[in-house]
Protein backbone atom coordinates (compact mmCIF):
# COMPACT_ATOMS: atom_id res chain seq x y z
CA MET A 1 -1.12 -10.74 -43.19
CA LYS A 2 -2.06 -13.03 -40.29
CA THR A 3 1.29 -12.33 -38.65
CA ILE A 4 0.79 -8.57 -38.81
CA LEU A 5 -2.74 -8.87 -37.47
CA SER A 6 -1.54 -11.09 -34.61
CA LEU A 7 1.23 -8.63 -33.78
CA ILE A 8 -1.20 -5.69 -33.70
CA LEU A 9 -3.61 -7.64 -31.47
CA CYS A 10 -0.75 -8.53 -29.11
CA ILE A 11 0.35 -4.88 -28.84
CA ILE A 12 -3.21 -3.68 -28.16
CA THR A 13 -3.76 -6.37 -25.51
CA THR A 14 -0.47 -5.52 -23.78
CA THR A 15 -1.30 -1.81 -23.78
CA VAL A 16 -4.77 -2.37 -22.31
CA LEU A 17 -3.45 -4.70 -19.62
CA ALA A 18 -0.67 -2.26 -18.69
CA GLU A 19 -3.20 0.53 -18.25
CA THR A 20 -5.51 -1.50 -16.00
CA GLU A 21 -2.90 -3.01 -13.68
CA THR A 22 -2.93 -2.07 -10.01
CA PRO A 23 -0.10 0.33 -9.21
CA GLN A 24 2.88 -1.36 -7.65
CA HIS A 25 5.40 0.28 -5.36
CA ASP A 26 8.95 -0.94 -4.87
CA ILE A 27 11.02 -1.17 -1.70
CA ASP A 28 14.65 -2.26 -1.91
CA ILE A 29 16.44 -4.19 0.80
CA ILE A 30 20.06 -3.13 0.88
CA LYS A 31 22.69 -2.81 3.60
CA PHE A 32 20.26 -4.27 6.15
CA LYS A 33 17.67 -1.52 5.56
CA PHE A 34 14.32 -1.16 3.84
CA GLU A 35 14.57 1.69 1.29
CA PRO A 36 12.29 3.58 1.77
CA ALA A 37 11.52 2.49 5.34
CA GLU A 38 8.13 4.21 5.33
CA ILE A 39 5.64 4.44 2.47
CA THR A 40 2.05 5.60 1.93
CA ILE A 41 -0.11 3.84 -0.65
CA ASP A 42 -3.79 3.62 -1.60
CA VAL A 43 -6.06 0.68 -0.72
CA GLY A 44 -5.75 -2.04 -3.35
CA GLU A 45 -2.16 -1.21 -4.31
CA SER A 46 0.80 -3.57 -4.02
CA ILE A 47 4.35 -3.35 -2.76
CA ARG A 48 7.26 -5.45 -3.97
CA TRP A 49 10.25 -5.81 -1.64
CA THR A 50 13.36 -6.80 -3.60
CA ASN A 51 16.44 -8.22 -1.88
CA LYS A 52 19.40 -6.32 -3.35
CA GLU A 53 21.96 -7.68 -0.90
CA LYS A 54 24.91 -9.67 -2.23
CA ARG A 55 24.62 -12.70 0.06
CA GLN A 56 22.03 -12.12 2.81
CA TYR A 57 18.50 -13.55 3.16
CA HIS A 58 15.59 -11.53 4.59
CA SER A 59 11.85 -11.66 5.22
CA VAL A 60 9.04 -9.10 5.38
CA TRP A 61 7.01 -9.96 8.46
CA PHE A 62 3.85 -8.16 9.54
CA GLU A 63 4.18 -9.65 13.00
CA LYS A 64 1.56 -7.37 14.64
CA THR A 65 -1.18 -8.86 12.42
CA GLY A 66 -0.59 -12.26 14.01
CA GLU A 67 0.45 -13.80 10.70
CA PRO A 68 3.28 -16.33 10.69
CA GLU A 69 6.62 -15.20 9.33
CA PRO A 70 6.81 -15.74 5.56
CA ASP A 71 9.62 -17.64 3.89
CA TYR A 72 13.01 -15.99 3.62
CA PHE A 73 14.02 -14.66 0.24
CA PHE A 74 17.52 -14.39 -1.12
CA PRO A 75 19.44 -11.89 -3.30
CA ASP A 76 17.55 -10.91 -6.46
CA GLU A 77 14.35 -12.52 -5.15
CA PHE A 78 11.30 -10.57 -3.99
CA TYR A 79 8.26 -10.64 -1.72
CA GLU A 80 5.02 -8.98 -2.83
CA ARG A 81 1.85 -8.02 -0.96
CA THR A 82 -1.41 -6.24 -1.87
CA PHE A 83 -3.11 -4.12 0.79
CA ASP A 84 -6.92 -4.35 0.74
CA ALA A 85 -7.67 -2.32 3.88
CA ALA A 86 -6.71 1.12 5.16
CA GLY A 87 -4.47 1.39 8.22
CA ASP A 88 -0.89 1.52 9.44
CA PHE A 89 1.06 -1.71 9.05
CA PRO A 90 4.44 -1.97 10.79
CA TYR A 91 6.74 -4.74 9.59
CA ARG A 92 10.18 -6.09 10.24
CA CYS A 93 12.70 -8.54 8.92
CA GLY A 94 12.32 -11.85 10.80
CA PRO A 95 16.00 -12.76 11.10
CA HIS A 96 17.07 -9.10 11.59
CA PRO A 97 14.63 -7.47 14.08
CA LYS A 98 16.33 -4.07 13.90
CA MET A 99 15.26 -3.82 10.25
CA ILE A 100 11.84 -2.17 10.49
CA GLY A 101 9.44 -0.43 8.16
CA MET A 102 5.93 1.02 8.01
CA VAL A 103 3.21 0.91 5.35
CA HIS A 104 0.47 3.54 5.60
CA VAL A 105 -2.57 2.51 3.53
CA VAL A 106 -5.14 5.23 2.81
CA GLN A 107 -8.39 5.39 0.89
CA SER A 108 -7.85 6.64 -2.64
CA THR A 109 -8.88 10.26 -3.15
CA GLU A 110 -11.01 9.05 -6.07
CA ASP A 111 -12.95 6.73 -3.73
CA SER A 112 -13.52 9.34 -1.05
CA LYS A 113 -14.60 12.36 -3.06
CA VAL A 114 -17.33 14.33 -1.31
CA GLU A 115 -20.01 16.01 -3.37
CA PRO A 116 -20.21 19.73 -2.60
CA ASP A 117 -23.42 20.98 -0.96
CA THR A 118 -25.27 22.85 -3.69
CA SER A 119 -28.44 23.54 -1.73
CA THR A 120 -29.58 27.15 -1.59
CA GLU A 121 -31.03 26.85 1.89
CA GLU A 122 -29.37 29.26 4.27
CA SER A 123 -28.47 28.29 7.79
CA SER A 124 -27.38 30.42 10.66
CA THR A 125 -25.07 29.31 13.40
CA LYS A 126 -26.50 32.00 15.69
CA ASP A 127 -30.07 30.70 15.66
CA SER A 128 -29.48 26.98 15.77
CA PRO A 129 -27.01 25.25 18.07
CA GLN A 130 -24.43 23.14 16.30
CA LYS A 131 -23.79 19.61 17.52
CA GLU A 132 -20.17 18.63 17.68
CA GLU A 133 -19.45 15.25 16.22
CA PRO A 134 -17.07 13.02 18.16
CA PRO A 135 -13.69 12.61 16.49
CA LYS A 136 -13.51 9.75 14.02
CA LYS A 137 -11.61 6.76 15.24
CA GLU A 138 -9.03 5.34 12.89
CA GLU A 139 -8.31 1.68 13.20
CA SER A 140 -4.71 0.72 12.84
CA ILE A 141 -2.24 -1.77 14.11
CA GLN A 142 -0.41 -0.09 16.95
CA PRO A 143 3.11 -1.04 17.97
CA THR A 144 3.41 -2.59 21.39
CA PRO A 145 5.62 -0.78 23.92
């Protein structure tokens, strides 16, 4: 009976943990390319780059952030990173600078839901001048020319 109870508890725990994990996206490294080379994810999500080459080592380097190049990883190894801020993050392979990719990180639609205006007050654009708001500035890492 204890064994059955332990097994049931283990299954329930695994199911709960699987449902609460942060989504992970996968990028393969094959034939000296990142596949896909460009990806859009939500803030807080992770990406795993897996080296699927037969003999070649690679790195995933976000050089524009000023971070040092991470260690190389070899076939069947991976590099993983979680993105905690919105923006555009270009990256490249350290030893192979022509291998480039881009991660676009956006706010989750669940986090940025806007409540509809349910007020019954009427407004007229004829009678009151409308102020134009300046365009919002998005902060991102821009590639250097």
